[in-house]
Amino acid sequence: MGEIIFARIDDRLIHGQVMTKWVKGYNCNSIFVIDDQLAKDEFMKNIYIMSASTANIALKILTVDDSIKLWEKDHYDGFKVILLFKNIKTVKNTIEEGLPIKKLNIGGIAKSADRKFIIPTVSLNKEETESLLDIEKNHGVEIFFQTVPESKRVGLEAALSVFNIKR
């Protein structure tokens, strides 16, 4: 039986911090990227697969539906997995469809006009923050903001206070 170590939202998906800090620091043997659009783009999938091949870890790029089917089939068949998502909407959908995520790390979401920084590498808007609160309340997911394992871990309360959202 496999294990979901944690899920991470990072709009850059796979990059040096993920490979050297998170995967090695948590002794994982695989990364599953869950993104419907990327899963259908053979060219980009090959680029990501090639980039992970030198790190001696398994990489799968899956749709939301495929990630859930694979979990239901054999609980990821012995893989110790970090799940990677580009955005909050996809991770929320995946959780609502039944994937048992217990820890959600938000590590990289780029700044845009409607977003405010929560930590230096993560910016959110009010709707995204409310979605995270919903995930925490209704699905019991531990949510934290952290760029790399050795940086300070910041709880969801920080985002709620930026937008004056009450629990």
N, C-alpha and C. Protein backbone atom coordinates (compact mmCIF):
# COMPACT_ATOMS: atom_id res chain seq x y z
N MET A 1 0.84 -1.18 0.00
CA MET A 1 0.00 0.00 0.00
C MET A 1 0.88 1.24 0.00
N GLY A 2 0.50 2.21 -0.80
CA GLY A 2 1.23 3.46 -0.88
C GLY A 2 0.80 4.46 0.18
N GLU A 3 1.42 5.62 0.13
CA GLU A 3 1.15 6.64 1.13
C GLU A 3 1.26 8.02 0.49
N ILE A 4 0.28 8.86 0.77
CA ILE A 4 0.36 10.26 0.38
C ILE A 4 1.06 10.98 1.53
N ILE A 5 2.29 11.43 1.29
CA ILE A 5 3.04 12.11 2.34
C ILE A 5 2.41 13.47 2.60
N PHE A 6 2.23 14.24 1.55
CA PHE A 6 1.48 15.49 1.62
C PHE A 6 1.25 15.99 0.20
N ALA A 7 0.41 16.99 0.09
CA ALA A 7 0.14 17.64 -1.19
C ALA A 7 0.75 19.03 -1.13
N ARG A 8 1.17 19.53 -2.31
CA ARG A 8 1.77 20.86 -2.38
C ARG A 8 1.16 21.60 -3.56
N ILE A 9 0.83 22.85 -3.33
CA ILE A 9 0.43 23.74 -4.42
C ILE A 9 1.63 24.61 -4.75
N ASP A 10 2.04 24.54 -6.00
CA ASP A 10 3.18 25.32 -6.47
C ASP A 10 2.96 25.53 -7.97
N ASP A 11 2.69 26.75 -8.37
CA ASP A 11 2.35 26.98 -9.78
C ASP A 11 3.50 26.69 -10.74
N ARG A 12 4.73 26.52 -10.19
CA ARG A 12 5.86 26.12 -11.04
C ARG A 12 5.99 24.60 -11.11
N LEU A 13 5.24 23.89 -10.34
CA LEU A 13 5.26 22.44 -10.24
C LEU A 13 6.64 21.91 -9.85
N ILE A 14 7.35 21.27 -10.76
CA ILE A 14 8.62 20.64 -10.42
C ILE A 14 9.77 21.59 -10.70
N HIS A 15 10.56 21.84 -9.66
CA HIS A 15 11.74 22.69 -9.79
C HIS A 15 12.71 22.29 -8.68
N GLY A 16 13.82 22.96 -8.58
CA GLY A 16 14.88 22.57 -7.67
C GLY A 16 14.46 22.40 -6.22
N GLN A 17 13.66 23.33 -5.69
CA GLN A 17 13.25 23.22 -4.29
C GLN A 17 12.44 21.96 -4.05
N VAL A 18 11.57 21.64 -4.97
CA VAL A 18 10.74 20.44 -4.80
C VAL A 18 11.62 19.20 -4.81
N MET A 19 12.52 19.13 -5.78
CA MET A 19 13.36 17.94 -5.94
C MET A 19 14.39 17.79 -4.82
N THR A 20 15.07 18.86 -4.46
CA THR A 20 16.17 18.72 -3.51
C THR A 20 15.73 18.86 -2.06
N LYS A 21 14.72 19.64 -1.79
CA LYS A 21 14.33 19.89 -0.40
C LYS A 21 13.17 19.00 0.05
N TRP A 22 12.08 19.02 -0.70
CA TRP A 22 10.88 18.31 -0.27
C TRP A 22 10.98 16.80 -0.49
N VAL A 23 11.34 16.37 -1.68
CA VAL A 23 11.40 14.94 -1.97
C VAL A 23 12.44 14.26 -1.09
N LYS A 24 13.65 14.80 -1.07
CA LYS A 24 14.70 14.17 -0.26
C LYS A 24 14.44 14.32 1.23
N GLY A 25 13.94 15.47 1.64
CA GLY A 25 13.68 15.71 3.06
C GLY A 25 12.59 14.83 3.63
N TYR A 26 11.67 14.39 2.80
CA TYR A 26 10.58 13.53 3.27
C TYR A 26 10.74 12.09 2.81
N ASN A 27 11.91 11.78 2.23
CA ASN A 27 12.22 10.42 1.81
C ASN A 27 11.13 9.82 0.91
N CYS A 28 10.69 10.61 -0.05
CA CYS A 28 9.67 10.16 -0.98
C CYS A 28 10.32 9.46 -2.17
N ASN A 29 9.57 8.59 -2.80
CA ASN A 29 10.08 7.94 -4.00
C ASN A 29 9.30 8.30 -5.25
N SER A 30 8.36 9.26 -5.10
CA SER A 30 7.56 9.62 -6.27
C SER A 30 6.89 10.98 -6.10
N ILE A 31 6.62 11.56 -7.26
CA ILE A 31 5.83 12.79 -7.35
C ILE A 31 4.70 12.50 -8.33
N PHE A 32 3.50 12.79 -7.92
CA PHE A 32 2.36 12.70 -8.83
C PHE A 32 1.85 14.13 -9.04
N VAL A 33 1.96 14.61 -10.26
CA VAL A 33 1.42 15.92 -10.62
C VAL A 33 -0.03 15.68 -11.04
N ILE A 34 -0.95 16.41 -10.42
CA ILE A 34 -2.36 16.27 -10.76
C ILE A 34 -2.82 17.57 -11.40
N ASP A 35 -3.04 17.47 -12.71
CA ASP A 35 -3.42 18.65 -13.49
C ASP A 35 -4.05 18.17 -14.79
N ASP A 36 -5.33 18.42 -14.97
CA ASP A 36 -6.05 17.92 -16.15
C ASP A 36 -5.44 18.42 -17.45
N GLN A 37 -5.09 19.67 -17.51
CA GLN A 37 -4.55 20.25 -18.74
C GLN A 37 -3.17 19.67 -19.06
N LEU A 38 -2.28 19.62 -18.09
CA LEU A 38 -0.94 19.09 -18.31
C LEU A 38 -0.98 17.61 -18.69
N ALA A 39 -1.89 16.86 -18.09
CA ALA A 39 -1.98 15.43 -18.38
C ALA A 39 -2.33 15.15 -19.84
N LYS A 40 -2.92 16.11 -20.50
CA LYS A 40 -3.30 15.94 -21.90
C LYS A 40 -2.28 16.54 -22.87
N ASP A 41 -1.23 17.15 -22.36
CA ASP A 41 -0.20 17.79 -23.18
C ASP A 41 1.05 16.90 -23.22
N GLU A 42 1.13 16.05 -24.25
CA GLU A 42 2.22 15.08 -24.34
C GLU A 42 3.60 15.74 -24.36
N PHE A 43 3.74 16.85 -25.04
CA PHE A 43 5.02 17.53 -25.13
C PHE A 43 5.49 17.97 -23.74
N MET A 44 4.63 18.67 -23.00
CA MET A 44 5.01 19.15 -21.66
C MET A 44 5.19 17.99 -20.68
N LYS A 45 4.37 16.96 -20.80
CA LYS A 45 4.54 15.79 -19.94
C LYS A 45 5.94 15.20 -20.11
N ASN A 46 6.38 15.08 -21.34
CA ASN A 46 7.71 14.52 -21.61
C ASN A 46 8.82 15.38 -21.01
N ILE A 47 8.66 16.69 -21.07
CA ILE A 47 9.65 17.58 -20.47
C ILE A 47 9.75 17.34 -18.96
N TYR A 48 8.61 17.28 -18.30
CA TYR A 48 8.62 17.04 -16.85
C TYR A 48 9.18 15.66 -16.51
N ILE A 49 8.80 14.66 -17.27
CA ILE A 49 9.27 13.30 -17.01
C ILE A 49 10.79 13.23 -17.19
N MET A 50 11.32 13.87 -18.22
CA MET A 50 12.76 13.90 -18.44
C MET A 50 13.48 14.61 -17.30
N SER A 51 12.89 15.70 -16.80
CA SER A 51 13.54 16.45 -15.72
C SER A 51 13.60 15.65 -14.43
N ALA A 52 12.63 14.79 -14.21
CA ALA A 52 12.61 13.99 -12.98
C ALA A 52 13.42 12.71 -13.10
N SER A 53 13.72 12.29 -14.32
CA SER A 53 14.40 11.01 -14.51
C SER A 53 15.80 11.00 -13.90
N THR A 54 16.47 12.12 -13.86
CA THR A 54 17.82 12.18 -13.29
C THR A 54 17.81 12.11 -11.76
N ALA A 55 16.67 12.33 -11.16
CA ALA A 55 16.57 12.33 -9.69
C ALA A 55 16.24 10.95 -9.12
N ASN A 56 16.06 9.97 -9.98
CA ASN A 56 15.78 8.61 -9.55
C ASN A 56 14.50 8.50 -8.71
N ILE A 57 13.48 9.21 -9.15
CA ILE A 57 12.16 9.10 -8.52
C ILE A 57 11.13 8.84 -9.62
N ALA A 58 10.03 8.25 -9.23
CA ALA A 58 8.94 8.03 -10.17
C ALA A 58 8.14 9.32 -10.30
N LEU A 59 7.72 9.61 -11.52
CA LEU A 59 6.88 10.78 -11.77
C LEU A 59 5.70 10.35 -12.61
N LYS A 60 4.51 10.70 -12.14
CA LYS A 60 3.29 10.47 -12.91
C LYS A 60 2.59 11.81 -13.06
N ILE A 61 2.03 12.04 -14.23
CA ILE A 61 1.23 13.23 -14.47
C ILE A 61 -0.17 12.74 -14.79
N LEU A 62 -1.11 13.10 -13.91
CA LEU A 62 -2.43 12.51 -13.93
C LEU A 62 -3.53 13.56 -13.98
N THR A 63 -4.66 13.17 -14.52
CA THR A 63 -5.87 13.98 -14.38
C THR A 63 -6.41 13.77 -12.97
N VAL A 64 -7.33 14.60 -12.56
CA VAL A 64 -7.98 14.41 -11.26
C VAL A 64 -8.63 13.03 -11.21
N ASP A 65 -9.38 12.69 -12.25
CA ASP A 65 -10.07 11.39 -12.27
C ASP A 65 -9.10 10.22 -12.21
N ASP A 66 -8.01 10.30 -12.97
CA ASP A 66 -7.03 9.21 -12.97
C ASP A 66 -6.33 9.07 -11.62
N SER A 67 -6.07 10.19 -10.95
CA SER A 67 -5.43 10.12 -9.63
C SER A 67 -6.33 9.41 -8.62
N ILE A 68 -7.60 9.66 -8.70
CA ILE A 68 -8.56 9.03 -7.78
C ILE A 68 -8.72 7.54 -8.12
N LYS A 69 -8.82 7.21 -9.40
CA LYS A 69 -8.93 5.80 -9.80
C LYS A 69 -7.72 5.01 -9.37
N LEU A 70 -6.53 5.59 -9.53
CA LEU A 70 -5.30 4.92 -9.13
C LEU A 70 -5.26 4.70 -7.62
N TRP A 71 -5.72 5.68 -6.85
CA TRP A 71 -5.78 5.54 -5.40
C TRP A 71 -6.76 4.43 -5.02
N GLU A 72 -7.94 4.44 -5.64
CA GLU A 72 -8.96 3.44 -5.32
C GLU A 72 -8.51 2.04 -5.72
N LYS A 73 -7.73 1.93 -6.77
CA LYS A 73 -7.26 0.62 -7.26
C LYS A 73 -6.30 -0.04 -6.27
N ASP A 74 -5.25 0.69 -5.85
CA ASP A 74 -4.24 0.05 -5.03
C ASP A 74 -3.52 1.00 -4.08
N HIS A 75 -4.17 2.10 -3.74
CA HIS A 75 -3.57 3.10 -2.83
C HIS A 75 -2.14 3.45 -3.23
N TYR A 76 -1.96 3.71 -4.50
CA TYR A 76 -0.69 4.15 -5.09
C TYR A 76 0.43 3.13 -4.97
N ASP A 77 0.05 1.86 -4.79
CA ASP A 77 0.93 0.71 -4.99
C ASP A 77 2.35 0.85 -4.44
N GLY A 78 2.48 1.19 -3.20
CA GLY A 78 3.79 1.22 -2.57
C GLY A 78 4.57 2.51 -2.74
N PHE A 79 4.06 3.44 -3.50
CA PHE A 79 4.75 4.72 -3.67
C PHE A 79 4.57 5.58 -2.42
N LYS A 80 5.64 6.29 -2.04
CA LYS A 80 5.56 7.34 -1.02
C LYS A 80 5.50 8.64 -1.82
N VAL A 81 4.33 9.26 -1.88
CA VAL A 81 4.02 10.28 -2.88
C VAL A 81 3.91 11.68 -2.30
N ILE A 82 4.50 12.63 -3.02
CA ILE A 82 4.14 14.03 -2.87
C ILE A 82 3.25 14.36 -4.05
N LEU A 83 2.06 14.86 -3.77
CA LEU A 83 1.15 15.29 -4.82
C LEU A 83 1.42 16.75 -5.12
N LEU A 84 1.53 17.10 -6.40
CA LEU A 84 1.76 18.49 -6.79
C LEU A 84 0.58 19.00 -7.60
N PHE A 85 0.15 20.20 -7.26
CA PHE A 85 -0.95 20.88 -7.95
C PHE A 85 -0.50 22.28 -8.33
N LYS A 86 -1.07 22.81 -9.43
CA LYS A 86 -0.78 24.19 -9.82
C LYS A 86 -1.64 25.19 -9.07
N ASN A 87 -2.83 24.77 -8.62
CA ASN A 87 -3.74 25.76 -8.05
C ASN A 87 -4.67 25.14 -7.01
N ILE A 88 -5.31 26.01 -6.26
CA ILE A 88 -6.22 25.62 -5.19
C ILE A 88 -7.47 24.95 -5.73
N LYS A 89 -7.98 25.44 -6.83
CA LYS A 89 -9.20 24.88 -7.41
C LYS A 89 -9.06 23.39 -7.70
N THR A 90 -7.92 23.00 -8.28
CA THR A 90 -7.72 21.59 -8.61
C THR A 90 -7.56 20.73 -7.38
N VAL A 91 -6.82 21.20 -6.39
CA VAL A 91 -6.66 20.39 -5.18
C VAL A 91 -7.99 20.27 -4.45
N LYS A 92 -8.79 21.32 -4.43
CA LYS A 92 -10.10 21.25 -3.77
C LYS A 92 -11.00 20.24 -4.48
N ASN A 93 -10.99 20.28 -5.79
CA ASN A 93 -11.78 19.34 -6.57
C ASN A 93 -11.34 17.90 -6.29
N THR A 94 -10.04 17.68 -6.23
CA THR A 94 -9.49 16.34 -5.98
C THR A 94 -9.91 15.83 -4.61
N ILE A 95 -9.85 16.68 -3.61
CA ILE A 95 -10.27 16.29 -2.26
C ILE A 95 -11.76 16.00 -2.23
N GLU A 96 -12.55 16.85 -2.87
CA GLU A 96 -14.00 16.64 -2.90
C GLU A 96 -14.39 15.37 -3.65
N GLU A 97 -13.56 14.96 -4.60
CA GLU A 97 -13.81 13.72 -5.35
C GLU A 97 -13.36 12.48 -4.58
N GLY A 98 -12.67 12.67 -3.46
CA GLY A 98 -12.39 11.54 -2.60
C GLY A 98 -10.94 11.19 -2.33
N LEU A 99 -9.99 11.96 -2.84
CA LEU A 99 -8.59 11.65 -2.53
C LEU A 99 -8.28 12.08 -1.09
N PRO A 100 -7.77 11.18 -0.25
CA PRO A 100 -7.59 11.49 1.18
C PRO A 100 -6.31 12.26 1.48
N ILE A 101 -6.34 13.53 1.22
CA ILE A 101 -5.21 14.41 1.52
C ILE A 101 -5.37 14.94 2.94
N LYS A 102 -4.34 14.78 3.74
CA LYS A 102 -4.41 15.23 5.13
C LYS A 102 -3.56 16.46 5.41
N LYS A 103 -2.51 16.67 4.58
CA LYS A 103 -1.64 17.84 4.74
C LYS A 103 -1.52 18.53 3.39
N LEU A 104 -1.71 19.86 3.41
CA LEU A 104 -1.61 20.66 2.18
C LEU A 104 -0.64 21.81 2.42
N ASN A 105 0.48 21.75 1.69
CA ASN A 105 1.50 22.78 1.74
C ASN A 105 1.28 23.73 0.57
N ILE A 106 1.18 25.01 0.85
CA ILE A 106 1.11 26.00 -0.22
C ILE A 106 2.47 26.66 -0.25
N GLY A 107 3.20 26.46 -1.37
CA GLY A 107 4.58 26.88 -1.43
C GLY A 107 4.92 27.88 -2.50
N GLY A 108 4.06 28.02 -3.50
CA GLY A 108 4.36 28.97 -4.55
C GLY A 108 3.16 29.30 -5.41
N ILE A 109 2.63 30.49 -5.23
CA ILE A 109 1.56 31.01 -6.09
C ILE A 109 1.92 32.46 -6.41
N ALA A 110 2.13 32.70 -7.70
CA ALA A 110 2.62 34.00 -8.15
C ALA A 110 1.65 35.13 -7.84
N LYS A 111 2.21 36.30 -7.66
CA LYS A 111 1.43 37.52 -7.42
C LYS A 111 0.72 37.96 -8.68
N SER A 112 -0.51 38.41 -8.52
CA SER A 112 -1.26 39.04 -9.59
C SER A 112 -2.03 40.21 -8.98
N ALA A 113 -2.70 40.97 -9.83
CA ALA A 113 -3.34 42.20 -9.38
C ALA A 113 -4.35 41.99 -8.25
N ASP A 114 -5.06 40.87 -8.26
CA ASP A 114 -6.10 40.67 -7.25
C ASP A 114 -5.63 39.88 -6.04
N ARG A 115 -4.35 39.62 -5.94
CA ARG A 115 -3.82 38.79 -4.86
C ARG A 115 -2.95 39.59 -3.89
N LYS A 116 -2.90 39.10 -2.65
CA LYS A 116 -2.05 39.69 -1.63
C LYS A 116 -1.09 38.61 -1.11
N PHE A 117 0.12 39.02 -0.77
CA PHE A 117 1.11 38.08 -0.26
C PHE A 117 0.72 37.58 1.13
N ILE A 118 0.86 36.28 1.32
CA ILE A 118 0.69 35.65 2.63
C ILE A 118 2.07 35.38 3.22
N ILE A 119 2.94 34.78 2.42
CA ILE A 119 4.37 34.68 2.67
C ILE A 119 5.04 35.16 1.38
N PRO A 120 6.33 35.39 1.37
CA PRO A 120 6.94 35.99 0.18
C PRO A 120 6.74 35.23 -1.14
N THR A 121 6.51 33.94 -1.12
CA THR A 121 6.35 33.17 -2.35
C THR A 121 4.91 32.79 -2.66
N VAL A 122 3.99 33.21 -1.81
CA VAL A 122 2.58 32.81 -1.98
C VAL A 122 1.68 34.02 -1.87
N SER A 123 0.89 34.21 -2.91
CA SER A 123 -0.14 35.26 -2.86
C SER A 123 -1.49 34.62 -3.16
N LEU A 124 -2.50 35.14 -2.48
CA LEU A 124 -3.86 34.62 -2.63
C LEU A 124 -4.84 35.76 -2.78
N ASN A 125 -6.01 35.44 -3.33
CA ASN A 125 -7.12 36.39 -3.27
C ASN A 125 -8.12 35.88 -2.23
N LYS A 126 -9.14 36.67 -1.98
CA LYS A 126 -10.09 36.31 -0.93
C LYS A 126 -10.81 35.01 -1.24
N GLU A 127 -11.20 34.81 -2.48
CA GLU A 127 -11.92 33.58 -2.87
C GLU A 127 -11.05 32.34 -2.63
N GLU A 128 -9.77 32.42 -2.98
CA GLU A 128 -8.87 31.29 -2.76
C GLU A 128 -8.70 31.00 -1.27
N THR A 129 -8.62 32.05 -0.48
CA THR A 129 -8.49 31.89 0.97
C THR A 129 -9.74 31.24 1.55
N GLU A 130 -10.90 31.65 1.07
CA GLU A 130 -12.15 31.03 1.52
C GLU A 130 -12.21 29.56 1.11
N SER A 131 -11.69 29.22 -0.05
CA SER A 131 -11.63 27.81 -0.49
C SER A 131 -10.74 27.00 0.43
N LEU A 132 -9.61 27.57 0.83
CA LEU A 132 -8.72 26.87 1.76
C LEU A 132 -9.40 26.65 3.11
N LEU A 133 -10.12 27.64 3.58
CA LEU A 133 -10.84 27.49 4.84
C LEU A 133 -11.88 26.38 4.72
N ASP A 134 -12.57 26.32 3.59
CA ASP A 134 -13.55 25.27 3.34
C ASP A 134 -12.88 23.89 3.35
N ILE A 135 -11.73 23.77 2.72
CA ILE A 135 -10.99 22.51 2.70
C ILE A 135 -10.62 22.09 4.13
N GLU A 136 -10.14 23.05 4.91
CA GLU A 136 -9.76 22.74 6.28
C GLU A 136 -10.97 22.31 7.12
N LYS A 137 -12.03 23.11 7.06
CA LYS A 137 -13.23 22.85 7.89
C LYS A 137 -13.95 21.57 7.50
N ASN A 138 -14.18 21.39 6.21
CA ASN A 138 -15.04 20.30 5.75
C ASN A 138 -14.32 19.00 5.43
N HIS A 139 -13.00 19.05 5.37
CA HIS A 139 -12.26 17.83 5.00
C HIS A 139 -11.12 17.52 5.97
N GLY A 140 -10.96 18.34 7.01
CA GLY A 140 -9.96 18.08 8.03
C GLY A 140 -8.52 18.11 7.55
N VAL A 141 -8.25 18.93 6.56
CA VAL A 141 -6.91 19.02 5.99
C VAL A 141 -6.09 20.07 6.75
N GLU A 142 -4.88 19.70 7.14
CA GLU A 142 -3.95 20.65 7.76
C GLU A 142 -3.34 21.49 6.64
N ILE A 143 -3.52 22.79 6.69
CA ILE A 143 -3.03 23.69 5.64
C ILE A 143 -1.93 24.57 6.21
N PHE A 144 -0.82 24.63 5.46
CA PHE A 144 0.29 25.47 5.90
C PHE A 144 1.02 26.05 4.70
N PHE A 145 1.62 27.21 4.93
CA PHE A 145 2.41 27.91 3.92
C PHE A 145 3.87 27.74 4.29
N GLN A 146 4.67 27.27 3.33
CA GLN A 146 6.08 27.05 3.60
C GLN A 146 6.81 26.83 2.28
N THR A 147 7.84 27.61 2.03
CA THR A 147 8.57 27.52 0.78
C THR A 147 9.44 26.27 0.74
N VAL A 148 10.25 26.07 1.75
CA VAL A 148 11.12 24.89 1.87
C VAL A 148 11.02 24.38 3.30
N PRO A 149 11.39 23.12 3.55
CA PRO A 149 11.20 22.56 4.89
C PRO A 149 11.88 23.34 6.01
N GLU A 150 13.01 23.99 5.73
CA GLU A 150 13.70 24.70 6.81
C GLU A 150 13.19 26.13 7.02
N SER A 151 12.28 26.60 6.18
CA SER A 151 11.71 27.92 6.40
C SER A 151 10.55 27.83 7.40
N LYS A 152 10.17 28.97 7.93
CA LYS A 152 9.10 29.01 8.92
C LYS A 152 7.79 28.50 8.32
N ARG A 153 7.11 27.67 9.06
CA ARG A 153 5.80 27.16 8.66
C ARG A 153 4.74 28.14 9.18
N VAL A 154 3.88 28.60 8.27
CA VAL A 154 2.85 29.58 8.61
C VAL A 154 1.48 28.92 8.41
N GLY A 155 0.62 29.06 9.38
CA GLY A 155 -0.70 28.44 9.32
C GLY A 155 -1.71 29.25 8.51
N LEU A 156 -2.86 28.65 8.28
CA LEU A 156 -3.93 29.28 7.52
C LEU A 156 -4.40 30.59 8.16
N GLU A 157 -4.25 30.71 9.45
CA GLU A 157 -4.68 31.92 10.16
C GLU A 157 -4.07 33.19 9.54
N ALA A 158 -2.84 33.09 9.04
CA ALA A 158 -2.18 34.25 8.42
C ALA A 158 -2.95 34.74 7.21
N ALA A 159 -3.42 33.83 6.38
CA ALA A 159 -4.20 34.22 5.19
C ALA A 159 -5.56 34.76 5.60
N LEU A 160 -6.18 34.13 6.57
CA LEU A 160 -7.50 34.60 7.03
C LEU A 160 -7.41 36.03 7.55
N SER A 161 -6.35 36.34 8.27
CA SER A 161 -6.22 37.69 8.83
C SER A 161 -5.98 38.74 7.74
N VAL A 162 -5.28 38.38 6.67
CA VAL A 162 -5.06 39.33 5.57
C VAL A 162 -6.37 39.78 4.96
N PHE A 163 -7.35 38.87 4.90
CA PHE A 163 -8.64 39.19 4.28
C PHE A 163 -9.77 39.38 5.30
N ASN A 164 -9.42 39.45 6.59
CA ASN A 164 -10.40 39.63 7.65
C ASN A 164 -11.52 38.59 7.59
N ILE A 165 -11.14 37.32 7.40
CA ILE A 165 -12.09 36.21 7.36
C ILE A 165 -12.08 35.55 8.72
N LYS A 166 -13.26 35.33 9.28
CA LYS A 166 -13.40 34.67 10.57
C LYS A 166 -13.59 33.17 10.35
N ARG A 167 -13.09 32.39 11.30
CA ARG A 167 -13.27 30.93 11.25
C ARG A 167 -14.69 30.57 11.55
